[in-house]
Amino acid sequence: MSVNHDFRAASGLKRWPSDLEELPAEPPGPPRGPGLFQVARANGETAITNIRRLAGAERTPGSLLVLAAAILLAALAAAFYVVTLAAQYHFVLGQKHEAVPSVIEALGLDAGMAVFALLALGLAMAGQSARTERMLVLACSLASAAMNYAAADVRSPRSVLVYVMPPVFLAVTVDRVVAVIRRHVLGDAERSAWAAAGRALAALARGLAVVLLYGLRFLLAPPSTGAGLRRVVLNATPLPEAGPRAIPAAEEVPVIEPLPVIEPPELAGASKKVRLAWWYERDEAYGDRKRTAEAAKRLAPKVDLSEGTARAYIGAILDGIGRAA
């Protein structure tokens, strides 16, 4: 049993420091954050630290380079705006033949790109997500490139490249500067807007390939392709299941009367005896001699006979049945 009651040492754990000399001479590093911090040393002295942060002189490594990149981005944007404005102005002027509206319309997309780029930079410096603004920068750049393409000589690849390159390259530069600033501030790499656009284009290409393949298959085998597409559509749009049907009570179900029996057209003009025989064959008392009078009374009005004559005819029919048996 331990005589000094040091149970930590007895259990194999590190002993608690007993003297101030066993404490580290200096803390591992000053706490980060704004303001002054008082740090106590092992010899009992106190020290004030983190004065550089309070004075604003402490910067994250690479801040000056990122700032320089942002300044160069502004200069690049201004230069490219002059280039694209001139190209779009001449194109719009050739369509509208009015100077002021042409300048305004030519400046619209590039000005929108500048607005969204500034918003994205501000959000990135504040450590916020700028995904929507980066997508809008991409959309404005593509629209501006399309307008420049309309102003270019589409028969010349060099002309198309010269006209289309500035807005696209500017959008790529803005996106990368925003991404680097966000990573520099937060250490978080936000997904690029160009990656989303690439995935959308890949999905569109796959969809067009499927449509082309099915179109070719329809030309080669119309019946089976049509039946397959019908099954695909039916499987993709299932109907909701029908609910349980309410079974009406027996007293609510209307009684369905049997259809009246009428003579066939071939009996038109036949004798009354023939007509009586046809009716008797379909009567419930057919073949029962005991019910001859009942059948004669029921069938005589149908063929316009008296009951006695009808009874005699039915008796002759029954005699014929007996002889045949």
Foldseek 3Di string as FASTA:
>chain_A
DDPVPQVCVVVVHDGDDDALVPDDQFPPDDDDDEDWDWGAGSVGDIDIDPVCVNVVNDDQPPPVVLVVLVVVLVVLLVVLLVVLLVLQLVVVCVVPVDRVVSSCVSNVLSVLLVVLLVVLQVCLLVLHDSLVSLLSNVVSLVVSLVSLCVSFDVVDPVRSCVSNVSSVVSSVSSQVSSQVSNCSRPVDRDDTSVVVVVVVVVVVVVVVVVVVVLVVVCVVPVPVSVVVVVVVVCVVDDDDDDDDDDDDDPVPDDDDDDDDDDDDPVCVPPALLVVLVVVLVPDPCRLPLVCLLVSLVVRCVVSVHDSVVSSVSSVVVNVVVVVVD
